[in-house]
């Protein structure tokens, strides 16, 4: 049994080393136009624990850097400490910008609060939650505002919002959901946000936001979000500030889809195979250990 354990450990270790060595991140691309830095952002990212995320906050930071993001907002459900841990780790390893945020989860609405410092507890009225976000100097974004949430987002609440998710992965293949997002976005002057609602299993930034910031800082990002300086793409169609859409078109355009990750090479394929075989061997070893001896 000892030799089997060593063999399994060696297989898993070899897979880990091969996967790490073959991991090739999407290279970040600096874009500047019209006096703005165009930053790639995702403002709805979850981590474990606290919001059904499957990866730790430092994993989220590493994945955001791997995918070439300039800024992400970590938004655990109804608390901030995971987001603060993610921001600390990002500063330790060198980016991307991590905005401390929270998804304020209420039975009638969900609200993304970014750029805040204290936990905001759900309130019966969405408008009051938005007010608290603003009192902390943060930005308030309606999360997945599908028709079932519209009653909570009354005229007062919509007038106070800074932005709304208008493009999301779950709406890309369901026309009715996509129409809900577009109608909500058009119902008030709102900043266009493309978010992934990432939890570790899907692709971070499957939908993303291009932020036209005057400076590459947290303050610069928050200012741009408040002033509506964003562009997002819905199946190749741009949404957001019309002047910025024109500016982007005059400067070669922006990628309207998700950048393709490099094709896996031999080392990556070996890493995946080694991981599967190693885990299978662990299961079999457990079965062997529990099988009564016939001696």
Protein backbone atom coordinates (compact mmCIF):
# COMPACT_ATOMS: atom_id res chain seq x y z
CA UNK A 1 0.00 0.00 0.00
CA UNK A 2 2.87 2.36 0.78
CA UNK A 3 4.21 2.06 -2.77
CA UNK A 4 0.77 2.74 -4.20
CA UNK A 5 0.44 5.91 -2.11
CA UNK A 6 3.83 7.14 -3.32
CA UNK A 7 2.87 6.40 -6.93
CA UNK A 8 -0.44 8.29 -6.63
CA UNK A 9 1.24 11.25 -4.93
CA UNK A 10 3.86 11.30 -7.69
CA UNK A 11 1.17 11.21 -10.39
CA UNK A 12 -0.78 14.08 -8.85
CA UNK A 13 2.41 16.05 -8.25
CA UNK A 14 3.56 15.57 -11.85
CA UNK A 15 0.16 16.73 -13.09
CA UNK A 16 0.30 19.82 -10.89
CA UNK A 17 3.80 20.75 -12.08
CA UNK A 18 2.94 20.14 -15.74
CA UNK A 19 -0.25 22.18 -15.49
CA UNK A 20 1.52 25.07 -13.79
CA UNK A 21 4.36 25.13 -16.32
CA UNK A 22 1.98 24.97 -19.29
CA UNK A 23 -0.41 27.63 -18.02
CA UNK A 24 -0.21 30.53 -20.45
CA UNK A 25 -2.26 33.57 -19.44
CA UNK A 26 -3.96 35.92 -21.85
CA UNK A 27 -1.46 38.80 -22.18
CA UNK A 28 -2.94 42.11 -20.95
CA UNK A 29 -3.43 44.69 -23.67
CA UNK A 30 -3.08 48.36 -22.80
CA UNK A 31 -5.57 50.51 -24.70
CA UNK A 32 -5.75 54.28 -24.66
CA UNK A 33 -8.06 56.51 -26.70
CA UNK A 34 -9.56 59.96 -26.40
CA UNK A 35 -7.64 60.69 -23.21
CA UNK A 36 -8.97 57.57 -21.49
CA UNK A 37 -7.41 54.29 -20.45
CA UNK A 38 -9.76 51.50 -21.49
CA UNK A 39 -9.78 48.91 -18.72
CA UNK A 40 -11.28 45.43 -18.91
CA UNK A 41 -13.49 44.77 -15.90
CA UNK A 42 -15.82 42.26 -14.30
CA UNK A 43 -17.90 43.66 -11.45
CA UNK A 44 -19.64 40.53 -10.17
CA UNK A 45 -17.15 37.91 -8.94
CA UNK A 46 -17.75 35.38 -6.16
CA UNK A 47 -15.35 33.35 -4.04
CA UNK A 48 -15.51 30.73 -1.34
CA UNK A 49 -16.72 31.02 1.38
CA UNK A 50 -19.87 33.07 1.64
CA UNK A 51 -21.50 33.21 -1.80
CA UNK A 52 -21.63 29.79 -3.41
CA UNK A 53 -18.20 30.27 -4.92
CA UNK A 54 -15.97 27.26 -5.40
CA UNK A 55 -12.54 28.94 -5.28
CA UNK A 56 -10.80 31.05 -2.66
CA UNK A 57 -10.43 34.82 -3.19
CA UNK A 58 -6.74 34.48 -4.03
CA UNK A 59 -7.70 32.00 -6.75
CA UNK A 60 -10.08 34.60 -8.14
CA UNK A 61 -7.29 37.16 -8.24
CA UNK A 62 -4.95 34.74 -9.99
CA UNK A 63 -7.64 33.79 -12.53
CA UNK A 64 -8.46 37.46 -13.22
CA UNK A 65 -4.79 38.15 -13.88
CA UNK A 66 -4.57 35.03 -16.04
CA UNK A 67 -7.54 36.21 -18.13
CA UNK A 68 -5.96 39.65 -18.67
CA UNK A 69 -8.33 41.69 -16.50
CA UNK A 70 -7.46 45.18 -15.29
CA UNK A 71 -10.13 45.38 -12.58
CA UNK A 72 -12.58 43.06 -10.82
CA UNK A 73 -15.08 43.60 -8.03
CA UNK A 74 -15.33 40.80 -5.49
CA UNK A 75 -18.92 40.66 -4.32
CA UNK A 76 -19.69 38.05 -1.63
CA UNK A 77 -23.26 37.82 -0.35
CA UNK A 78 -24.01 40.26 2.47
CA UNK A 79 -20.46 40.62 3.80
CA UNK A 80 -17.09 42.12 2.81
CA UNK A 81 -14.28 40.17 4.47
CA UNK A 82 -13.68 37.83 1.52
CA UNK A 83 -13.46 40.83 -0.82
CA UNK A 84 -11.00 42.56 1.51
CA UNK A 85 -8.87 39.43 1.56
CA UNK A 86 -8.89 39.39 -2.23
CA UNK A 87 -7.80 43.04 -2.42
CA UNK A 88 -4.97 42.38 0.04
CA UNK A 89 -3.73 39.44 -2.01
CA UNK A 90 -3.94 41.42 -5.27
CA UNK A 91 -1.74 44.10 -3.74
CA UNK A 92 0.69 41.44 -2.60
CA UNK A 93 1.10 39.81 -6.04
CA UNK A 94 0.68 42.87 -8.24
CA UNK A 95 -2.83 43.37 -9.52
CA UNK A 96 -5.37 43.50 -10.98
CA UNK A 97 -7.27 46.28 -9.22
CA UNK A 98 -9.71 44.61 -6.83
CA UNK A 99 -12.71 46.64 -5.72
CA UNK A 100 -14.14 45.65 -2.36
CA UNK A 101 -17.80 44.94 -2.91
CA UNK A 102 -20.84 43.04 -1.78
CA UNK A 103 -23.90 41.53 -3.38
CA UNK A 104 -26.71 42.76 -1.17
CA UNK A 105 -29.12 39.83 -1.31
CA UNK A 106 -32.76 40.49 -0.48
CA UNK A 107 -35.74 38.32 -1.34
CA UNK A 108 -37.04 41.05 -3.67
CA UNK A 109 -33.83 42.39 -5.22
CA UNK A 110 -30.07 41.86 -5.54
CA UNK A 111 -27.76 44.87 -5.56
CA UNK A 112 -24.05 44.99 -6.35
CA UNK A 113 -22.25 47.54 -4.17
CA UNK A 114 -18.64 48.28 -5.14
CA UNK A 115 -16.13 50.61 -3.55
CA UNK A 116 -17.54 50.34 -0.04
CA UNK A 117 -15.84 49.75 3.31
CA UNK A 118 -18.62 48.51 5.62
CA UNK A 119 -21.13 45.72 5.19
CA UNK A 120 -24.55 46.88 4.05
CA UNK A 121 -27.40 44.74 5.30
CA UNK A 122 -30.47 44.21 3.09
CA UNK A 123 -33.26 46.71 3.59
CA UNK A 124 -36.93 46.23 2.64
CA UNK A 125 -36.69 49.06 0.10
CA UNK A 126 -34.08 48.84 -2.66
CA UNK A 127 -33.88 52.64 -2.77
CA UNK A 128 -32.68 52.72 0.85
CA UNK A 129 -29.94 50.17 0.11
CA UNK A 130 -28.76 52.31 -2.81
CA UNK A 131 -28.65 55.34 -0.52
CA UNK A 132 -26.38 53.46 1.91
CA UNK A 133 -24.02 52.49 -0.93
CA UNK A 134 -23.76 56.15 -1.91
CA UNK A 135 -23.19 57.27 1.68
CA UNK A 136 -20.05 55.12 1.65
CA UNK A 137 -18.90 56.60 -1.65
CA UNK A 138 -19.67 53.40 -3.55
CA UNK A 139 -21.35 52.57 -6.83
CA UNK A 140 -24.72 50.76 -6.93
CA UNK A 141 -25.42 48.28 -9.74
CA UNK A 142 -28.60 46.26 -10.16
CA UNK A 143 -27.66 42.57 -10.27
CA UNK A 144 -29.47 40.34 -12.82
CA UNK A 145 -32.54 42.63 -12.94
CA UNK A 146 -34.92 40.15 -14.54
CA UNK A 147 -38.65 40.81 -14.62
CA UNK A 148 -39.24 39.00 -11.32
CA UNK A 149 -37.27 41.74 -9.53
CA UNK A 150 -38.85 44.75 -11.24
CA UNK A 151 -41.46 45.43 -8.55
CA UNK A 152 -38.68 46.16 -6.03
CA UNK A 153 -36.93 48.39 -8.54
CA UNK A 154 -39.57 51.11 -8.52
CA UNK A 155 -39.09 54.53 -10.11
CA UNK A 156 -37.34 55.94 -7.02
CA UNK A 157 -34.87 53.07 -6.82
CA UNK A 158 -34.11 53.12 -10.54
CA UNK A 159 -33.50 56.86 -10.44
CA UNK A 160 -30.89 56.38 -7.70
CA UNK A 161 -29.05 53.44 -9.30
CA UNK A 162 -25.71 54.02 -11.00
CA UNK A 163 -25.77 51.02 -13.32
CA UNK A 164 -27.35 47.72 -14.24
CA UNK A 165 -26.15 44.40 -15.57
CA UNK A 166 -27.31 44.41 -19.18
CA UNK A 167 -25.21 41.47 -20.39
CA UNK A 168 -24.76 38.21 -18.45
CA UNK A 169 -23.80 34.64 -19.39
CA UNK A 170 -27.13 33.13 -18.34
CA UNK A 171 -29.02 35.45 -20.69
CA UNK A 172 -26.85 34.76 -23.73
CA UNK A 173 -28.79 31.63 -24.67
CA UNK A 174 -32.23 32.63 -23.33
CA UNK A 175 -33.80 35.44 -25.39
CA UNK A 176 -36.47 36.25 -22.80
CA UNK A 177 -33.86 36.92 -20.12
CA UNK A 178 -31.76 39.02 -22.48
CA UNK A 179 -34.84 41.09 -23.32
CA UNK A 180 -35.54 41.65 -19.59
CA UNK A 181 -32.02 43.01 -19.09
CA UNK A 182 -32.23 45.33 -22.10
CA UNK A 183 -35.63 46.68 -21.06
CA UNK A 184 -34.47 47.36 -17.52
CA UNK A 185 -31.31 49.08 -18.76
CA UNK A 186 -33.39 51.29 -21.09
CA UNK A 187 -35.83 52.25 -18.32
CA UNK A 188 -33.46 54.75 -16.66
CA UNK A 189 -30.14 56.49 -17.37
CA UNK A 190 -27.85 53.66 -16.22
CA UNK A 191 -24.25 52.65 -16.73
CA UNK A 192 -24.04 49.53 -18.90
CA UNK A 193 -22.42 46.63 -17.06
CA UNK A 194 -21.39 43.25 -18.42
CA UNK A 195 -20.76 40.78 -15.59
CA UNK A 196 -19.99 37.08 -15.33
CA UNK A 197 -21.40 36.37 -11.82
CA UNK A 198 -18.35 34.09 -11.66
CA UNK A 199 -18.24 31.33 -9.05
CA UNK A 200 -15.22 29.34 -10.16
CA UNK A 201 -16.84 26.81 -12.49
CA UNK A 202 -17.57 28.99 -15.52
CA UNK A 203 -15.31 31.34 -17.48
CA UNK A 204 -14.39 34.52 -15.62
CA UNK A 205 -15.30 37.48 -17.78
CA UNK A 206 -17.46 35.53 -20.22
CA UNK A 207 -19.24 38.87 -20.38
CA UNK A 208 -17.17 41.89 -19.49
CA UNK A 209 -17.20 45.67 -19.19
CA UNK A 210 -14.88 48.11 -20.95
CA UNK A 211 -14.32 51.03 -18.59
CA UNK A 212 -13.10 54.36 -19.97
CA UNK A 213 -11.15 55.69 -16.99
CA UNK A 214 -9.11 58.86 -16.69
CA UNK A 215 -6.61 56.98 -14.56
CA UNK A 216 -5.76 53.35 -13.81
CA UNK A 217 -6.80 53.48 -10.15
CA UNK A 218 -9.74 52.42 -8.00
CA UNK A 219 -10.89 56.03 -7.84
CA UNK A 220 -10.62 56.32 -11.62
CA UNK A 221 -12.74 53.21 -12.13
CA UNK A 222 -15.43 54.29 -9.68
CA UNK A 223 -15.63 57.73 -11.28
CA UNK A 224 -16.07 56.18 -14.72
CA UNK A 225 -18.84 53.89 -13.46
CA UNK A 226 -20.69 56.79 -11.85
CA UNK A 227 -20.45 58.85 -15.03
CA UNK A 228 -21.56 56.05 -17.34
CA UNK A 229 -18.27 55.70 -19.23
CA UNK A 230 -18.57 52.04 -20.23
CA UNK A 231 -19.13 49.89 -23.29
CA UNK A 232 -20.33 46.27 -23.28
CA UNK A 233 -21.18 43.84 -26.06
CA UNK A 234 -24.35 41.81 -26.36
CA UNK A 235 -23.78 39.15 -29.05
CA UNK A 236 -21.49 41.57 -30.87
CA UNK A 237 -23.79 44.57 -30.50
CA UNK A 238 -22.32 47.45 -28.47
CA UNK A 239 -24.25 48.98 -25.59
CA UNK A 240 -23.28 51.92 -23.42
CA UNK A 241 -22.25 55.53 -23.96
CA UNK A 242 -22.86 56.29 -27.68
CA UNK A 243 -19.94 58.75 -27.79
CA UNK A 244 -17.59 56.09 -26.44
CA UNK A 245 -18.92 53.50 -28.87
CA UNK A 246 -18.08 55.91 -31.69
CA UNK A 247 -14.68 56.66 -30.15
CA UNK A 248 -13.88 52.98 -29.98
CA UNK A 249 -14.94 52.49 -33.59
CA UNK A 250 -12.70 55.35 -34.71
CA UNK A 251 -9.75 53.73 -32.92
CA UNK A 252 -9.93 50.22 -34.29
CA UNK A 253 -12.76 48.93 -32.12
CA UNK A 254 -12.83 46.74 -29.03
CA UNK A 255 -13.00 42.94 -28.87
CA UNK A 256 -16.70 42.09 -28.90
CA UNK A 257 -16.20 38.52 -27.70
CA UNK A 258 -14.23 36.65 -25.09
CA UNK A 259 -10.53 36.27 -25.96
CA UNK A 260 -9.66 32.73 -26.86
CA UNK A 261 -7.40 30.96 -24.40
CA UNK A 262 -4.35 29.27 -25.93
CA UNK A 263 -4.98 25.70 -27.07
CA UNK A 264 -3.77 23.13 -24.53
CA UNK A 265 -0.43 21.60 -25.45
CA UNK A 266 1.00 18.22 -24.57
CA UNK A 267 1.95 19.30 -21.04
CA UNK A 268 -1.57 20.58 -20.31
CA UNK A 269 -3.14 17.39 -21.67
CA UNK A 270 -0.78 15.31 -19.55
CA UNK A 271 -1.69 17.42 -16.51
CA UNK A 272 -5.39 16.74 -17.00
CA UNK A 273 -4.84 13.03 -17.61
CA UNK A 274 -2.59 12.72 -14.55
CA UNK A 275 -5.14 14.48 -12.36
CA UNK A 276 -7.97 12.19 -13.51
CA UNK A 277 -5.88 9.03 -13.11
CA UNK A 278 -4.58 10.16 -9.72
CA UNK A 279 -8.07 10.86 -8.38
CA UNK A 280 -9.32 7.55 -9.76
CA UNK A 281 -6.45 5.77 -8.04
CA UNK A 282 -7.33 7.44 -4.74
CA UNK A 283 -10.90 6.14 -5.01
CA UNK A 284 -9.67 2.64 -5.79
CA UNK A 285 -7.17 2.72 -2.94
CA UNK A 286 -9.94 3.71 -0.55
CA UNK A 287 -12.01 0.75 -1.77
CA UNK A 288 -9.03 -1.60 -1.33
CA UNK A 289 -8.41 -0.32 2.19
CA UNK A 290 -12.04 -0.99 3.17
CA UNK A 291 -12.18 -4.49 1.63
CA UNK A 292 -11.97 -7.12 4.43
CA UNK A 293 -8.95 -9.36 4.25
CA UNK A 294 -9.68 -12.99 3.37
CA UNK A 295 -6.61 -14.36 5.07
